[in-house]
N, C-alpha and C. Protein backbone atom coordinates (compact mmCIF):
# COMPACT_ATOMS: atom_id res chain seq x y z
N UNK A 1 -1.33 0.66 -6.50
CA UNK A 1 -1.91 1.06 -5.25
C UNK A 1 -3.40 1.36 -5.44
N UNK A 2 -4.19 0.47 -5.22
CA UNK A 2 -5.65 0.73 -5.21
C UNK A 2 -6.21 1.04 -6.60
N UNK A 3 -7.48 0.84 -6.74
CA UNK A 3 -8.11 1.07 -7.99
C UNK A 3 -9.51 1.62 -7.66
N UNK A 4 -9.80 2.78 -8.17
CA UNK A 4 -11.06 3.47 -7.89
C UNK A 4 -12.27 2.66 -8.38
N UNK A 5 -12.04 1.63 -9.16
CA UNK A 5 -13.19 0.87 -9.70
C UNK A 5 -13.40 -0.50 -8.94
N UNK A 6 -12.72 -0.63 -7.83
CA UNK A 6 -12.94 -1.99 -7.11
C UNK A 6 -14.07 -2.00 -6.20
N UNK A 7 -15.07 -1.15 -6.45
CA UNK A 7 -16.28 -1.24 -5.67
C UNK A 7 -17.48 -1.28 -6.61
N UNK A 8 -18.57 -1.79 -6.16
CA UNK A 8 -19.74 -1.88 -6.97
C UNK A 8 -20.55 -0.59 -6.91
N UNK A 9 -20.72 0.05 -8.02
CA UNK A 9 -21.46 1.29 -8.07
C UNK A 9 -22.84 1.18 -7.42
N UNK A 10 -23.20 2.09 -6.58
CA UNK A 10 -24.50 2.10 -5.95
C UNK A 10 -24.60 1.22 -4.72
N UNK A 11 -23.55 0.57 -4.34
CA UNK A 11 -23.55 -0.33 -3.17
C UNK A 11 -22.64 0.30 -2.15
N UNK A 12 -22.99 0.23 -0.91
CA UNK A 12 -22.21 0.92 0.18
C UNK A 12 -21.30 -0.04 0.93
N UNK A 13 -20.74 -1.06 0.24
CA UNK A 13 -19.74 -1.86 0.91
C UNK A 13 -18.80 -2.42 -0.12
N UNK A 14 -17.67 -2.99 0.39
CA UNK A 14 -16.68 -3.55 -0.54
C UNK A 14 -17.19 -4.89 -1.10
N UNK A 15 -16.69 -5.24 -2.21
CA UNK A 15 -16.97 -6.61 -2.74
C UNK A 15 -16.57 -7.58 -1.59
N UNK A 16 -17.48 -8.27 -1.04
CA UNK A 16 -17.15 -9.11 0.13
C UNK A 16 -16.18 -10.24 -0.18
N UNK A 17 -16.12 -10.62 -1.50
CA UNK A 17 -15.14 -11.69 -1.81
C UNK A 17 -13.78 -11.12 -2.04
N UNK A 18 -13.56 -9.80 -2.06
CA UNK A 18 -12.21 -9.19 -2.20
C UNK A 18 -11.57 -8.73 -0.96
N UNK A 19 -12.37 -8.09 -0.09
CA UNK A 19 -11.75 -7.42 1.07
C UNK A 19 -12.50 -7.84 2.37
N UNK A 20 -11.75 -7.78 3.44
CA UNK A 20 -12.37 -7.98 4.74
C UNK A 20 -11.86 -6.92 5.68
N UNK A 21 -12.68 -6.48 6.62
CA UNK A 21 -12.28 -5.52 7.62
C UNK A 21 -11.58 -6.31 8.72
N UNK A 22 -10.41 -5.79 9.16
CA UNK A 22 -9.68 -6.52 10.20
C UNK A 22 -9.52 -5.62 11.49
N UNK A 23 -10.23 -4.61 11.56
CA UNK A 23 -10.26 -3.76 12.79
C UNK A 23 -11.59 -3.08 12.97
N UNK A 24 -11.87 -2.66 14.10
CA UNK A 24 -13.06 -1.77 14.28
C UNK A 24 -12.84 -0.40 13.65
N UNK A 25 -13.90 0.16 13.22
CA UNK A 25 -13.80 1.53 12.74
C UNK A 25 -13.73 2.49 13.95
N UNK A 26 -12.72 3.32 13.94
CA UNK A 26 -12.57 4.23 15.06
C UNK A 26 -12.42 5.65 14.54
N UNK A 27 -12.71 6.63 15.45
CA UNK A 27 -12.59 8.02 15.11
C UNK A 27 -11.70 8.66 16.11
N UNK A 28 -10.65 9.32 15.66
CA UNK A 28 -9.75 10.15 16.50
C UNK A 28 -9.53 11.43 15.78
N UNK A 29 -9.63 12.59 16.59
CA UNK A 29 -9.47 13.91 15.95
C UNK A 29 -10.43 14.17 14.77
N UNK A 30 -11.59 13.64 14.85
CA UNK A 30 -12.63 13.76 13.77
C UNK A 30 -12.22 13.05 12.52
N UNK A 31 -11.25 12.15 12.55
CA UNK A 31 -10.85 11.25 11.42
C UNK A 31 -11.24 9.88 11.73
N UNK A 32 -12.04 9.29 10.80
CA UNK A 32 -12.57 7.94 10.98
C UNK A 32 -11.82 7.01 10.10
N UNK A 33 -11.34 5.88 10.60
CA UNK A 33 -10.52 4.95 9.84
C UNK A 33 -10.73 3.53 10.33
N UNK A 34 -10.36 2.61 9.50
CA UNK A 34 -10.31 1.21 9.80
C UNK A 34 -9.31 0.47 8.96
N UNK A 35 -8.86 -0.69 9.45
CA UNK A 35 -7.88 -1.49 8.72
C UNK A 35 -8.59 -2.58 7.94
N UNK A 36 -8.18 -2.76 6.70
CA UNK A 36 -8.74 -3.75 5.82
C UNK A 36 -7.65 -4.54 5.15
N UNK A 37 -8.01 -5.71 4.63
CA UNK A 37 -7.08 -6.44 3.76
C UNK A 37 -7.77 -7.18 2.72
N UNK A 38 -6.97 -7.41 1.65
CA UNK A 38 -7.55 -8.17 0.51
C UNK A 38 -7.44 -9.63 0.88
N UNK A 39 -8.59 -10.29 0.80
CA UNK A 39 -8.67 -11.66 1.30
C UNK A 39 -7.62 -12.59 0.58
N UNK A 40 -7.56 -12.53 -0.69
CA UNK A 40 -6.73 -13.45 -1.40
C UNK A 40 -5.21 -13.16 -1.27
N UNK A 41 -4.91 -11.92 -1.01
CA UNK A 41 -3.50 -11.52 -1.00
C UNK A 41 -3.05 -10.85 0.28
N UNK A 42 -3.66 -11.31 1.45
CA UNK A 42 -3.29 -10.61 2.66
C UNK A 42 -1.78 -10.91 2.98
N UNK A 43 -1.17 -10.00 3.70
CA UNK A 43 0.22 -10.08 4.08
C UNK A 43 1.16 -9.87 2.91
N UNK A 44 0.72 -9.38 1.81
CA UNK A 44 1.73 -9.12 0.76
C UNK A 44 2.46 -7.82 1.11
N UNK A 45 3.63 -7.61 0.54
CA UNK A 45 4.49 -6.47 0.93
C UNK A 45 3.77 -5.11 0.73
N UNK A 46 3.05 -4.93 -0.38
CA UNK A 46 2.47 -3.60 -0.64
C UNK A 46 0.93 -3.82 -0.95
N UNK A 47 0.18 -3.87 0.09
CA UNK A 47 -1.28 -4.13 -0.09
C UNK A 47 -1.91 -3.14 -0.98
N UNK A 48 -2.94 -3.58 -1.66
CA UNK A 48 -3.81 -2.71 -2.50
C UNK A 48 -5.04 -2.32 -1.70
N UNK A 49 -5.24 -1.02 -1.53
CA UNK A 49 -6.43 -0.61 -0.80
C UNK A 49 -7.54 -0.32 -1.80
N UNK A 50 -8.78 -0.65 -1.45
CA UNK A 50 -9.93 -0.41 -2.37
C UNK A 50 -10.35 1.01 -2.42
N UNK A 51 -11.28 1.26 -3.27
CA UNK A 51 -11.90 2.57 -3.40
C UNK A 51 -12.77 2.85 -2.17
N UNK A 52 -13.06 4.08 -1.98
CA UNK A 52 -13.88 4.61 -0.94
C UNK A 52 -15.21 3.98 -0.98
N UNK A 53 -15.77 3.67 0.16
CA UNK A 53 -17.11 3.07 0.19
C UNK A 53 -18.09 3.83 1.10
N UNK A 54 -17.57 4.95 1.67
CA UNK A 54 -18.51 5.74 2.51
C UNK A 54 -18.51 5.44 3.95
N UNK A 55 -17.83 4.40 4.40
CA UNK A 55 -17.86 4.10 5.82
C UNK A 55 -16.66 4.66 6.63
N UNK A 56 -15.64 5.07 5.96
CA UNK A 56 -14.43 5.63 6.65
C UNK A 56 -13.84 6.69 5.69
N UNK A 57 -13.03 7.57 6.35
CA UNK A 57 -12.31 8.58 5.66
C UNK A 57 -10.91 8.09 5.28
N UNK A 58 -10.40 7.19 6.14
CA UNK A 58 -9.03 6.69 6.02
C UNK A 58 -9.06 5.16 6.11
N UNK A 59 -8.41 4.53 5.16
CA UNK A 59 -8.30 3.07 5.13
C UNK A 59 -6.84 2.69 5.36
N UNK A 60 -6.57 1.75 6.22
CA UNK A 60 -5.20 1.29 6.49
C UNK A 60 -4.98 -0.06 5.93
N UNK A 61 -3.78 -0.34 5.41
CA UNK A 61 -3.36 -1.63 4.87
C UNK A 61 -2.64 -2.35 6.00
N UNK A 62 -2.89 -3.62 6.17
CA UNK A 62 -2.23 -4.40 7.27
C UNK A 62 -0.98 -4.99 6.76
N UNK A 63 0.12 -4.93 7.58
CA UNK A 63 1.42 -5.51 7.24
C UNK A 63 1.55 -6.88 7.83
N UNK A 64 2.66 -7.56 7.47
CA UNK A 64 2.84 -8.93 8.00
C UNK A 64 2.89 -9.01 9.48
N UNK A 65 3.27 -8.00 10.18
CA UNK A 65 3.32 -7.99 11.61
C UNK A 65 2.00 -7.66 12.26
N UNK A 66 0.92 -7.41 11.43
CA UNK A 66 -0.37 -7.06 11.95
C UNK A 66 -0.58 -5.53 12.16
N UNK A 67 0.50 -4.76 11.99
CA UNK A 67 0.36 -3.34 12.12
C UNK A 67 0.18 -2.70 10.81
N UNK A 68 -0.41 -1.48 10.75
CA UNK A 68 -0.65 -0.78 9.51
C UNK A 68 0.65 -0.46 8.88
N UNK A 69 0.69 -0.50 7.52
CA UNK A 69 1.92 -0.12 6.76
C UNK A 69 1.64 1.05 5.78
N UNK A 70 0.36 1.41 5.67
CA UNK A 70 0.00 2.45 4.72
C UNK A 70 -1.48 2.84 5.00
N UNK A 71 -1.84 4.15 4.61
CA UNK A 71 -3.20 4.51 4.68
C UNK A 71 -3.51 5.48 3.56
N UNK A 72 -4.70 5.48 3.15
CA UNK A 72 -5.20 6.40 2.11
C UNK A 72 -6.34 7.24 2.63
N UNK A 73 -6.38 8.51 2.25
CA UNK A 73 -7.34 9.45 2.72
C UNK A 73 -8.27 9.76 1.58
N UNK A 74 -9.55 9.67 1.84
CA UNK A 74 -10.61 9.88 0.86
C UNK A 74 -11.50 11.09 1.29
N UNK A 75 -11.93 11.80 0.34
CA UNK A 75 -13.00 12.88 0.62
C UNK A 75 -13.93 12.95 -0.62
N UNK A 76 -15.17 12.97 -0.33
CA UNK A 76 -16.26 13.02 -1.34
C UNK A 76 -15.99 11.88 -2.35
N UNK A 77 -15.64 10.75 -1.91
CA UNK A 77 -15.47 9.57 -2.85
C UNK A 77 -14.21 9.54 -3.60
N UNK A 78 -13.31 10.47 -3.42
CA UNK A 78 -12.11 10.54 -4.18
C UNK A 78 -10.90 10.38 -3.31
N UNK A 79 -9.96 9.60 -3.80
CA UNK A 79 -8.69 9.43 -3.08
C UNK A 79 -7.81 10.66 -3.23
N UNK A 80 -7.43 11.23 -2.07
CA UNK A 80 -6.69 12.48 -2.02
C UNK A 80 -5.21 12.33 -1.72
N UNK A 81 -4.95 11.47 -0.67
CA UNK A 81 -3.60 11.32 -0.13
C UNK A 81 -3.30 9.90 0.16
N UNK A 82 -2.01 9.56 0.00
CA UNK A 82 -1.52 8.24 0.29
C UNK A 82 -0.38 8.41 1.29
N UNK A 83 -0.56 7.96 2.53
CA UNK A 83 0.51 7.99 3.58
C UNK A 83 1.11 6.58 3.56
N UNK A 84 2.37 6.45 3.22
CA UNK A 84 2.99 5.16 3.11
C UNK A 84 4.35 5.13 3.88
N UNK A 85 4.57 4.11 4.64
CA UNK A 85 5.78 3.94 5.35
C UNK A 85 6.30 2.51 5.26
N UNK A 86 5.74 1.73 4.35
CA UNK A 86 6.01 0.29 4.19
C UNK A 86 7.34 0.00 3.51
N UNK A 87 7.90 0.96 2.88
CA UNK A 87 9.15 0.71 2.04
C UNK A 87 9.99 2.01 1.97
N UNK A 88 11.32 1.84 1.69
CA UNK A 88 12.06 3.02 1.42
C UNK A 88 11.62 3.70 0.17
N UNK A 89 11.64 5.01 0.06
CA UNK A 89 11.22 5.67 -1.19
C UNK A 89 12.19 6.78 -1.55
N UNK A 90 12.57 6.88 -2.80
CA UNK A 90 13.44 7.95 -3.28
C UNK A 90 12.78 8.63 -4.44
N UNK A 91 12.63 9.93 -4.38
CA UNK A 91 12.12 10.74 -5.46
C UNK A 91 13.17 10.91 -6.55
N UNK A 92 12.75 11.37 -7.69
CA UNK A 92 13.72 11.56 -8.80
C UNK A 92 14.69 12.74 -8.49
N UNK A 93 14.27 13.59 -7.52
CA UNK A 93 15.17 14.69 -7.10
C UNK A 93 16.17 14.26 -6.04
N UNK A 94 16.11 13.02 -5.66
CA UNK A 94 17.02 12.48 -4.66
C UNK A 94 16.48 12.46 -3.23
N UNK A 95 15.37 13.07 -2.94
CA UNK A 95 14.78 13.10 -1.66
C UNK A 95 14.48 11.63 -1.26
N UNK A 96 14.90 11.24 0.01
CA UNK A 96 14.83 9.85 0.42
C UNK A 96 14.05 9.78 1.72
N UNK A 97 13.18 8.78 1.76
CA UNK A 97 12.41 8.45 2.93
C UNK A 97 12.67 6.99 3.34
N UNK A 98 13.30 6.71 4.47
CA UNK A 98 13.63 5.39 4.88
C UNK A 98 12.31 4.62 5.24
N UNK A 99 12.39 3.33 5.21
CA UNK A 99 11.25 2.47 5.63
C UNK A 99 10.91 2.85 7.08
N UNK A 100 9.58 2.97 7.30
CA UNK A 100 9.17 3.34 8.67
C UNK A 100 8.84 4.81 8.81
N UNK A 101 9.30 5.63 7.87
CA UNK A 101 8.99 7.08 7.86
C UNK A 101 7.98 7.38 6.78
N UNK A 102 6.94 8.08 7.20
CA UNK A 102 5.81 8.40 6.32
C UNK A 102 6.25 9.25 5.16
N UNK A 103 6.00 8.81 3.90
CA UNK A 103 6.03 9.78 2.76
C UNK A 103 4.61 9.88 2.24
N UNK A 104 4.27 11.10 1.82
CA UNK A 104 2.94 11.45 1.41
C UNK A 104 2.94 11.70 -0.13
N UNK A 105 1.94 11.07 -0.76
CA UNK A 105 1.72 11.24 -2.20
C UNK A 105 0.34 11.80 -2.34
N UNK A 106 0.20 12.97 -2.95
CA UNK A 106 -1.16 13.54 -3.18
C UNK A 106 -1.59 13.20 -4.52
N UNK A 107 -2.91 13.18 -4.70
CA UNK A 107 -3.57 12.82 -6.00
C UNK A 107 -4.33 14.00 -6.49
N UNK A 108 -4.21 14.28 -7.77
CA UNK A 108 -5.08 15.30 -8.35
C UNK A 108 -6.08 14.44 -9.26
N UNK A 109 -7.38 14.81 -8.99
CA UNK A 109 -8.40 14.03 -9.69
C UNK A 109 -9.01 15.00 -10.72
N UNK A 110 -9.01 14.54 -12.00
CA UNK A 110 -9.67 15.27 -13.02
C UNK A 110 -10.62 14.37 -13.85
N UNK A 111 -11.57 14.94 -14.49
CA UNK A 111 -12.45 14.17 -15.32
C UNK A 111 -12.13 14.41 -16.74
N UNK A 112 -11.99 13.40 -17.53
CA UNK A 112 -11.66 13.52 -18.94
C UNK A 112 -12.70 12.62 -19.72
N UNK A 113 -12.98 13.12 -20.93
CA UNK A 113 -13.94 12.49 -21.76
C UNK A 113 -13.12 11.50 -22.63
N UNK A 114 -13.56 10.23 -22.57
CA UNK A 114 -12.91 9.18 -23.41
C UNK A 114 -13.45 9.19 -24.79
N UNK A 115 -12.86 8.37 -25.65
CA UNK A 115 -13.37 8.28 -27.04
C UNK A 115 -14.76 7.73 -27.12
N UNK A 116 -15.20 7.02 -26.05
CA UNK A 116 -16.57 6.51 -25.96
C UNK A 116 -17.57 7.61 -25.65
N UNK A 117 -17.12 8.84 -25.30
CA UNK A 117 -17.97 9.90 -24.97
C UNK A 117 -18.33 10.05 -23.52
N UNK A 118 -17.80 9.10 -22.68
CA UNK A 118 -18.17 9.11 -21.26
C UNK A 118 -17.03 9.76 -20.46
N UNK A 119 -17.44 10.45 -19.41
CA UNK A 119 -16.40 11.08 -18.53
C UNK A 119 -15.94 10.08 -17.49
N UNK A 120 -14.62 10.06 -17.26
CA UNK A 120 -14.01 9.18 -16.28
C UNK A 120 -13.03 9.97 -15.43
N UNK A 121 -12.85 9.49 -14.18
CA UNK A 121 -11.88 10.12 -13.32
C UNK A 121 -10.46 9.64 -13.63
N UNK A 122 -9.53 10.59 -13.67
CA UNK A 122 -8.15 10.24 -13.87
C UNK A 122 -7.36 10.77 -12.70
N UNK A 123 -6.43 9.99 -12.19
CA UNK A 123 -5.70 10.28 -10.97
C UNK A 123 -4.24 10.46 -11.31
N UNK A 124 -3.68 11.67 -10.93
CA UNK A 124 -2.27 11.91 -11.15
C UNK A 124 -1.64 12.05 -9.78
N UNK A 125 -0.59 11.25 -9.61
CA UNK A 125 0.11 11.21 -8.31
C UNK A 125 1.29 12.11 -8.36
N UNK A 126 1.43 12.97 -7.32
CA UNK A 126 2.60 13.88 -7.30
C UNK A 126 3.78 13.26 -6.55
N UNK A 127 4.94 13.88 -6.65
CA UNK A 127 6.12 13.29 -5.97
C UNK A 127 5.86 13.20 -4.45
N UNK A 128 6.53 12.20 -3.82
CA UNK A 128 6.42 12.08 -2.40
C UNK A 128 7.00 13.25 -1.70
N UNK A 129 6.41 13.57 -0.51
CA UNK A 129 6.90 14.60 0.31
C UNK A 129 6.69 14.21 1.81
N UNK A 130 7.40 14.89 2.72
CA UNK A 130 7.15 14.58 4.16
C UNK A 130 5.77 15.13 4.57
N UNK A 131 5.20 14.57 5.73
CA UNK A 131 3.98 15.10 6.23
C UNK A 131 4.15 16.51 6.71
N UNK A 132 3.18 17.37 6.53
CA UNK A 132 3.17 18.67 7.05
C UNK A 132 2.79 18.63 8.57
N UNK A 133 3.02 19.67 9.29
CA UNK A 133 2.68 19.62 10.69
C UNK A 133 1.15 19.57 10.89
N UNK A 134 0.45 20.19 10.03
CA UNK A 134 -1.06 20.12 10.14
C UNK A 134 -1.52 18.66 9.89
N UNK A 135 -0.87 17.97 8.93
CA UNK A 135 -1.22 16.59 8.68
C UNK A 135 -0.90 15.71 9.92
N UNK A 136 0.29 15.95 10.46
CA UNK A 136 0.72 15.18 11.67
C UNK A 136 -0.29 15.41 12.81
N UNK A 137 -0.67 16.68 12.96
CA UNK A 137 -1.69 17.01 14.02
C UNK A 137 -3.03 16.35 13.80
N UNK A 138 -3.46 16.32 12.53
CA UNK A 138 -4.79 15.75 12.24
C UNK A 138 -4.77 14.24 12.11
N UNK A 139 -3.85 13.69 11.27
CA UNK A 139 -3.85 12.22 11.05
C UNK A 139 -2.87 11.46 11.89
N UNK A 140 -1.93 12.13 12.52
CA UNK A 140 -0.93 11.43 13.34
C UNK A 140 -1.48 10.51 14.40
N UNK A 141 -2.45 10.95 15.20
CA UNK A 141 -2.98 10.13 16.30
C UNK A 141 -3.67 8.85 15.72
N UNK A 142 -4.38 8.95 14.63
CA UNK A 142 -5.03 7.71 14.15
C UNK A 142 -3.98 6.83 13.48
N UNK A 143 -2.99 7.37 12.88
CA UNK A 143 -1.92 6.54 12.26
C UNK A 143 -1.22 5.82 13.42
N UNK A 144 -0.85 6.53 14.49
CA UNK A 144 -0.21 5.93 15.59
C UNK A 144 -1.06 4.83 16.27
N UNK A 145 -2.34 4.97 16.25
CA UNK A 145 -3.28 3.96 16.83
C UNK A 145 -3.08 2.67 16.08
N UNK A 146 -2.94 2.75 14.73
CA UNK A 146 -2.79 1.49 13.97
C UNK A 146 -1.39 1.03 13.81
N UNK A 147 -0.37 1.95 14.08
CA UNK A 147 1.03 1.55 14.07
C UNK A 147 1.81 2.55 14.94
N UNK A 148 2.04 2.10 16.20
CA UNK A 148 2.75 3.00 17.13
C UNK A 148 4.20 3.22 16.78
N UNK A 149 4.74 2.46 15.86
CA UNK A 149 6.22 2.55 15.49
C UNK A 149 6.52 3.50 14.37
N UNK A 150 5.48 4.05 13.77
CA UNK A 150 5.69 4.90 12.58
C UNK A 150 6.40 6.18 12.94
N UNK A 151 7.18 6.67 12.07
CA UNK A 151 7.88 7.97 12.21
C UNK A 151 7.35 8.95 11.21
N UNK A 152 7.14 10.21 11.66
CA UNK A 152 6.63 11.23 10.77
C UNK A 152 7.65 12.11 10.12
N UNK A 153 8.88 12.15 10.66
CA UNK A 153 9.91 12.98 10.07
C UNK A 153 11.25 12.24 10.23
């Protein structure tokens, strides 16, 4: 799911040969988002979303039916949350989310020094959980804009 290195450092747009924007950028509840797709692999089951480029806070992946199947939330250039409803998901503890119901995976970003002496971001994904009421209030309207069929609980 996405790679923080799929953008060109110092440039404020996606590699034009990898991604294209397939919707207008909109703002609802102070959340700005747009739908994008990978040019070479559009309509695949689990789209890869690129790294933050500064033009939106939320990026949506387009499904085969043209509706959003997933979105990622960014802040300060770091991926924080992944809202996904494109597939059924089961946690190791048995918690189950059917297809069409949002499950949330949060990311913890840390910087570690590699053997080359340079610091790099490392992303650790937590177990999936349901959306909180505050997330539904904040992100729900923009998610519904891109997919009116999604369920939050």
